[in-house]
Amino acid sequence: MAEREQNETKRFPDVLTLLAGIGTLLVSAYVLTDGAFHIPNPTWLLAGGALFVGILMLASSLRKR
């Protein structure tokens, strides 16, 4: 049992799949609202992406090795 736990590694989500899923959600929100949904300013998207990466880096540094 202990050997099995040591061989298993934690896997993180695939970044490409995550971005495709987010894009799909944005497109479906646009279609469902008949175009009333507007994508935010690109600078806000860039800031949100930087915030997300920062949180991931912080969480990565806090995890036990």
PDB file of N, CA and C in Angstrom:
ATOM      1  N   MET A   1       0.827  -1.194   0.000  1.00  0.00           N
ATOM      2  CA  MET A   1       0.000   0.000   0.000  1.00  0.00           C
ATOM      3  C   MET A   1       0.870   1.254   0.000  1.00  0.00           C
ATOM      4  N   ALA A   2       1.923   1.251   0.824  1.00  0.00           N
ATOM      5  CA  ALA A   2       2.789   2.422   0.894  1.00  0.00           C
ATOM      6  C   ALA A   2       3.537   2.645  -0.419  1.00  0.00           C
ATOM      7  N   GLU A   3       3.900   1.545  -1.090  1.00  0.00           N
ATOM      8  CA  GLU A   3       4.608   1.674  -2.365  1.00  0.00           C
ATOM      9  C   GLU A   3       3.713   2.323  -3.413  1.00  0.00           C
ATOM     10  N   ARG A   4       2.452   1.992  -3.389  1.00  0.00           N
ATOM     11  CA  ARG A   4       1.518   2.555  -4.358  1.00  0.00           C
ATOM     12  C   ARG A   4       1.374   4.056  -4.156  1.00  0.00           C
ATOM     13  N   GLU A   5       1.326   4.496  -2.917  1.00  0.00           N
ATOM     14  CA  GLU A   5       1.182   5.919  -2.624  1.00  0.00           C
ATOM     15  C   GLU A   5       2.422   6.696  -3.037  1.00  0.00           C
ATOM     16  N   GLN A   6       3.610   6.094  -2.926  1.00  0.00           N
ATOM     17  CA  GLN A   6       4.836   6.783  -3.301  1.00  0.00           C
ATOM     18  C   GLN A   6       4.950   6.926  -4.814  1.00  0.00           C
ATOM     19  N   ASN A   7       4.435   5.969  -5.577  1.00  0.00           N
ATOM     20  CA  ASN A   7       4.554   6.012  -7.024  1.00  0.00           C
ATOM     21  C   ASN A   7       3.581   6.981  -7.666  1.00  0.00           C
ATOM     22  N   GLU A   8       2.498   7.279  -6.994  1.00  0.00           N
ATOM     23  CA  GLU A   8       1.510   8.202  -7.541  1.00  0.00           C
ATOM     24  C   GLU A   8       2.002   9.636  -7.375  1.00  0.00           C
ATOM     25  N   THR A   9       1.938  10.387  -8.457  1.00  0.00           N
ATOM     26  CA  THR A   9       2.317  11.790  -8.388  1.00  0.00           C
ATOM     27  C   THR A   9       1.078  12.643  -8.596  1.00  0.00           C
ATOM     28  N   LYS A  10       1.099  13.819  -8.003  1.00  0.00           N
ATOM     29  CA  LYS A  10      -0.021  14.737  -8.188  1.00  0.00           C
ATOM     30  C   LYS A  10       0.091  15.346  -9.569  1.00  0.00           C
ATOM     31  N   ARG A  11      -1.025  15.398 -10.270  1.00  0.00           N
ATOM     32  CA  ARG A  11      -1.043  15.961 -11.602  1.00  0.00           C
ATOM     33  C   ARG A  11      -1.847  17.246 -11.599  1.00  0.00           C
ATOM     34  N   PHE A  12      -1.333  18.232 -12.296  1.00  0.00           N
ATOM     35  CA  PHE A  12      -2.016  19.505 -12.410  1.00  0.00           C
ATOM     36  C   PHE A  12      -2.842  19.516 -13.686  1.00  0.00           C
ATOM     37  N   PRO A  13      -3.862  20.343 -13.746  1.00  0.00           N
ATOM     38  CA  PRO A  13      -4.684  20.397 -14.966  1.00  0.00           C
ATOM     39  C   PRO A  13      -3.864  20.841 -16.171  1.00  0.00           C
ATOM     40  N   ASP A  14      -4.240  20.341 -17.315  1.00  0.00           N
ATOM     41  CA  ASP A  14      -3.594  20.735 -18.553  1.00  0.00           C
ATOM     42  C   ASP A  14      -3.985  22.176 -18.870  1.00  0.00           C
ATOM     43  N   VAL A  15      -3.001  23.029 -19.105  1.00  0.00           N
ATOM     44  CA  VAL A  15      -3.249  24.453 -19.307  1.00  0.00           C
ATOM     45  C   VAL A  15      -4.054  24.687 -20.587  1.00  0.00           C
ATOM     46  N   LEU A  16      -3.712  23.974 -21.652  1.00  0.00           N
ATOM     47  CA  LEU A  16      -4.428  24.139 -22.915  1.00  0.00           C
ATOM     48  C   LEU A  16      -5.903  23.761 -22.769  1.00  0.00           C
ATOM     49  N   THR A  17      -6.178  22.682 -22.083  1.00  0.00           N
ATOM     50  CA  THR A  17      -7.558  22.262 -21.857  1.00  0.00           C
ATOM     51  C   THR A  17      -8.301  23.260 -20.975  1.00  0.00           C
ATOM     52  N   LEU A  18      -7.612  23.800 -19.983  1.00  0.00           N
ATOM     53  CA  LEU A  18      -8.227  24.804 -19.108  1.00  0.00           C
ATOM     54  C   LEU A  18      -8.605  26.054 -19.898  1.00  0.00           C
ATOM     55  N   LEU A  19      -7.694  26.527 -20.756  1.00  0.00           N
ATOM     56  CA  LEU A  19      -7.987  27.707 -21.566  1.00  0.00           C
ATOM     57  C   LEU A  19      -9.114  27.439 -22.561  1.00  0.00           C
ATOM     58  N   ALA A  20      -9.132  26.250 -23.141  1.00  0.00           N
ATOM     59  CA  ALA A  20     -10.215  25.902 -24.067  1.00  0.00           C
ATOM     60  C   ALA A  20     -11.556  25.867 -23.338  1.00  0.00           C
ATOM     61  N   GLY A  21     -11.580  25.354 -22.114  1.00  0.00           N
ATOM     62  CA  GLY A  21     -12.809  25.327 -21.327  1.00  0.00           C
ATOM     63  C   GLY A  21     -13.299  26.714 -20.974  1.00  0.00           C
ATOM     64  N   ILE A  22     -12.383  27.596 -20.600  1.00  0.00           N
ATOM     65  CA  ILE A  22     -12.766  28.970 -20.289  1.00  0.00           C
ATOM     66  C   ILE A  22     -13.291  29.678 -21.531  1.00  0.00           C
ATOM     67  N   GLY A  23     -12.628  29.458 -22.656  1.00  0.00           N
ATOM     68  CA  GLY A  23     -13.097  30.039 -23.909  1.00  0.00           C
ATOM     69  C   GLY A  23     -14.477  29.547 -24.290  1.00  0.00           C
ATOM     70  N   THR A  24     -14.714  28.261 -24.082  1.00  0.00           N
ATOM     71  CA  THR A  24     -16.025  27.687 -24.375  1.00  0.00           C
ATOM     72  C   THR A  24     -17.100  28.299 -23.490  1.00  0.00           C
ATOM     73  N   LEU A  25     -16.781  28.514 -22.225  1.00  0.00           N
ATOM     74  CA  LEU A  25     -17.743  29.147 -21.323  1.00  0.00           C
ATOM     75  C   LEU A  25     -18.065  30.570 -21.757  1.00  0.00           C
ATOM     76  N   LEU A  26     -17.054  31.311 -22.204  1.00  0.00           N
ATOM     77  CA  LEU A  26     -17.292  32.681 -22.660  1.00  0.00           C
ATOM     78  C   LEU A  26     -18.157  32.711 -23.916  1.00  0.00           C
ATOM     79  N   VAL A  27     -17.884  31.818 -24.856  1.00  0.00           N
ATOM     80  CA  VAL A  27     -18.674  31.766 -26.087  1.00  0.00           C
ATOM     81  C   VAL A  27     -20.106  31.356 -25.777  1.00  0.00           C
ATOM     82  N   SER A  28     -20.295  30.377 -24.906  1.00  0.00           N
ATOM     83  CA  SER A  28     -21.655  29.952 -24.581  1.00  0.00           C
ATOM     84  C   SER A  28     -22.425  31.046 -23.845  1.00  0.00           C
ATOM     85  N   ALA A  29     -21.751  31.824 -22.990  1.00  0.00           N
ATOM     86  CA  ALA A  29     -22.412  32.945 -22.318  1.00  0.00           C
ATOM     87  C   ALA A  29     -22.818  34.007 -23.334  1.00  0.00           C
ATOM     88  N   TYR A  30     -21.972  34.247 -24.326  1.00  0.00           N
ATOM     89  CA  TYR A  30     -22.285  35.217 -25.371  1.00  0.00           C
ATOM     90  C   TYR A  30     -23.506  34.774 -26.173  1.00  0.00           C
ATOM     91  N   VAL A  31     -23.555  33.498 -26.535  1.00  0.00           N
ATOM     92  CA  VAL A  31     -24.667  32.980 -27.342  1.00  0.00           C
ATOM     93  C   VAL A  31     -25.959  32.951 -26.525  1.00  0.00           C
ATOM     94  N   LEU A  32     -25.882  32.523 -25.274  1.00  0.00           N
ATOM     95  CA  LEU A  32     -27.080  32.422 -24.443  1.00  0.00           C
ATOM     96  C   LEU A  32     -27.699  33.779 -24.137  1.00  0.00           C
ATOM     97  N   THR A  33     -26.896  34.840 -24.131  1.00  0.00           N
ATOM     98  CA  THR A  33     -27.426  36.172 -23.839  1.00  0.00           C
ATOM     99  C   THR A  33     -27.702  36.966 -25.109  1.00  0.00           C
ATOM    100  N   ASP A  34     -27.679  36.310 -26.262  1.00  0.00           N
ATOM    101  CA  ASP A  34     -27.926  36.946 -27.565  1.00  0.00           C
ATOM    102  C   ASP A  34     -27.017  38.141 -27.816  1.00  0.00           C
ATOM    103  N   GLY A  35     -25.768  38.022 -27.414  1.00  0.00           N
ATOM    104  CA  GLY A  35     -24.791  39.066 -27.679  1.00  0.00           C
ATOM    105  C   GLY A  35     -24.748  40.167 -26.653  1.00  0.00           C
ATOM    106  N   ALA A  36     -25.543  40.084 -25.601  1.00  0.00           N
ATOM    107  CA  ALA A  36     -25.545  41.124 -24.578  1.00  0.00           C
ATOM    108  C   ALA A  36     -24.348  40.990 -23.634  1.00  0.00           C
ATOM    109  N   PHE A  37     -23.723  39.839 -23.638  1.00  0.00           N
ATOM    110  CA  PHE A  37     -22.548  39.597 -22.792  1.00  0.00           C
ATOM    111  C   PHE A  37     -21.313  40.133 -23.507  1.00  0.00           C
ATOM    112  N   HIS A  38     -20.583  41.006 -22.853  1.00  0.00           N
ATOM    113  CA  HIS A  38     -19.391  41.579 -23.467  1.00  0.00           C
ATOM    114  C   HIS A  38     -18.155  41.067 -22.752  1.00  0.00           C
ATOM    115  N   ILE A  39     -17.158  40.727 -23.533  1.00  0.00           N
ATOM    116  CA  ILE A  39     -15.887  40.288 -22.960  1.00  0.00           C
ATOM    117  C   ILE A  39     -15.197  41.519 -22.371  1.00  0.00           C
ATOM    118  N   PRO A  40     -14.647  41.391 -21.159  1.00  0.00           N
ATOM    119  CA  PRO A  40     -14.027  42.550 -20.514  1.00  0.00           C
ATOM    120  C   PRO A  40     -12.843  43.092 -21.312  1.00  0.00           C
ATOM    121  N   ASN A  41     -12.435  44.270 -20.934  1.00  0.00           N
ATOM    122  CA  ASN A  41     -11.275  44.916 -21.524  1.00  0.00           C
ATOM    123  C   ASN A  41     -10.058  43.978 -21.453  1.00  0.00           C
ATOM    124  N   PRO A  42      -9.249  43.871 -22.507  1.00  0.00           N
ATOM    125  CA  PRO A  42      -8.095  42.963 -22.482  1.00  0.00           C
ATOM    126  C   PRO A  42      -7.108  43.236 -21.348  1.00  0.00           C
ATOM    127  N   THR A  43      -7.011  44.466 -20.904  1.00  0.00           N
ATOM    128  CA  THR A  43      -6.106  44.740 -19.790  1.00  0.00           C
ATOM    129  C   THR A  43      -6.601  44.085 -18.499  1.00  0.00           C
ATOM    130  N   TRP A  44      -7.927  44.011 -18.328  1.00  0.00           N
ATOM    131  CA  TRP A  44      -8.479  43.315 -17.167  1.00  0.00           C
ATOM    132  C   TRP A  44      -8.220  41.817 -17.262  1.00  0.00           C
ATOM    133  N   LEU A  45      -8.310  41.279 -18.486  1.00  0.00           N
ATOM    134  CA  LEU A  45      -8.004  39.857 -18.675  1.00  0.00           C
ATOM    135  C   LEU A  45      -6.539  39.575 -18.366  1.00  0.00           C
ATOM    136  N   LEU A  46      -5.652  40.466 -18.782  1.00  0.00           N
ATOM    137  CA  LEU A  46      -4.231  40.303 -18.501  1.00  0.00           C
ATOM    138  C   LEU A  46      -3.965  40.382 -16.999  1.00  0.00           C
ATOM    139  N   ALA A  47      -4.599  41.332 -16.333  1.00  0.00           N
ATOM    140  CA  ALA A  47      -4.427  41.467 -14.886  1.00  0.00           C
ATOM    141  C   ALA A  47      -4.986  40.247 -14.156  1.00  0.00           C
ATOM    142  N   GLY A  48      -6.119  39.745 -14.610  1.00  0.00           N
ATOM    143  CA  GLY A  48      -6.690  38.541 -14.004  1.00  0.00           C
ATOM    144  C   GLY A  48      -5.802  37.332 -14.206  1.00  0.00           C
ATOM    145  N   GLY A  49      -5.216  37.221 -15.393  1.00  0.00           N
ATOM    146  CA  GLY A  49      -4.284  36.117 -15.654  1.00  0.00           C
ATOM    147  C   GLY A  49      -3.055  36.197 -14.778  1.00  0.00           C
ATOM    148  N   ALA A  50      -2.526  37.409 -14.594  1.00  0.00           N
ATOM    149  CA  ALA A  50      -1.357  37.596 -13.728  1.00  0.00           C
ATOM    150  C   ALA A  50      -1.701  37.254 -12.280  1.00  0.00           C
ATOM    151  N   LEU A  51      -2.888  37.636 -11.840  1.00  0.00           N
ATOM    152  CA  LEU A  51      -3.332  37.303 -10.493  1.00  0.00           C
ATOM    153  C   LEU A  51      -3.459  35.797 -10.317  1.00  0.00           C
ATOM    154  N   PHE A  52      -4.023  35.123 -11.320  1.00  0.00           N
ATOM    155  CA  PHE A  52      -4.187  33.671 -11.274  1.00  0.00           C
ATOM    156  C   PHE A  52      -2.826  32.975 -11.208  1.00  0.00           C
ATOM    157  N   VAL A  53      -1.874  33.415 -12.015  1.00  0.00           N
ATOM    158  CA  VAL A  53      -0.538  32.825 -11.999  1.00  0.00           C
ATOM    159  C   VAL A  53       0.135  33.073 -10.656  1.00  0.00           C
ATOM    160  N   GLY A  54      -0.037  34.257 -10.102  1.00  0.00           N
ATOM    161  CA  GLY A  54       0.535  34.562  -8.793  1.00  0.00           C
ATOM    162  C   GLY A  54      -0.024  33.673  -7.695  1.00  0.00           C
ATOM    163  N   ILE A  55      -1.320  33.439  -7.734  1.00  0.00           N
ATOM    164  CA  ILE A  55      -1.944  32.561  -6.734  1.00  0.00           C
ATOM    165  C   ILE A  55      -1.437  31.135  -6.896  1.00  0.00           C
ATOM    166  N   LEU A  56      -1.297  30.672  -8.143  1.00  0.00           N
ATOM    167  CA  LEU A  56      -0.757  29.332  -8.375  1.00  0.00           C
ATOM    168  C   LEU A  56       0.674  29.205  -7.869  1.00  0.00           C
ATOM    169  N   MET A  57       1.487  30.239  -8.073  1.00  0.00           N
ATOM    170  CA  MET A  57       2.871  30.204  -7.592  1.00  0.00           C
ATOM    171  C   MET A  57       2.919  30.199  -6.071  1.00  0.00           C
ATOM    172  N   LEU A  58       2.043  30.969  -5.438  1.00  0.00           N
ATOM    173  CA  LEU A  58       1.987  30.987  -3.982  1.00  0.00           C
ATOM    174  C   LEU A  58       1.561  29.625  -3.442  1.00  0.00           C
ATOM    175  N   ALA A  59       0.536  29.036  -4.048  1.00  0.00           N
ATOM    176  CA  ALA A  59       0.075  27.723  -3.608  1.00  0.00           C
ATOM    177  C   ALA A  59       1.150  26.670  -3.830  1.00  0.00           C
ATOM    178  N   SER A  60       1.889  26.786  -4.915  1.00  0.00           N
ATOM    179  CA  SER A  60       2.962  25.832  -5.198  1.00  0.00           C
ATOM    180  C   SER A  60       4.079  25.945  -4.169  1.00  0.00           C
ATOM    181  N   SER A  61       4.373  27.141  -3.722  1.00  0.00           N
ATOM    182  CA  SER A  61       5.442  27.322  -2.750  1.00  0.00           C
ATOM    183  C   SER A  61       5.026  26.849  -1.353  1.00  0.00           C
ATOM    184  N   LEU A  62       3.740  26.813  -1.069  1.00  0.00           N
ATOM    185  CA  LEU A  62       3.271  26.411   0.259  1.00  0.00           C
ATOM    186  C   LEU A  62       3.068  24.909   0.409  1.00  0.00           C
ATOM    187  N   ARG A  63       3.018  24.189  -0.699  1.00  0.00           N
ATOM    188  CA  ARG A  63       2.762  22.747  -0.592  1.00  0.00           C
ATOM    189  C   ARG A  63       3.983  22.015  -0.069  1.00  0.00           C
ATOM    190  N   LYS A  64       3.742  20.921   0.613  1.00  0.00           N
ATOM    191  CA  LYS A  64       4.821  20.118   1.186  1.00  0.00           C
ATOM    192  C   LYS A  64       5.466  19.280   0.096  1.00  0.00           C
ATOM    193  N   ARG A  65       6.742  19.048   0.256  1.00  0.00           N
ATOM    194  CA  ARG A  65       7.474  18.231  -0.713  1.00  0.00           C
ATOM    195  C   ARG A  65       7.700  16.851  -0.184  1.00  0.00           C
TER     196      ARG A  65
END
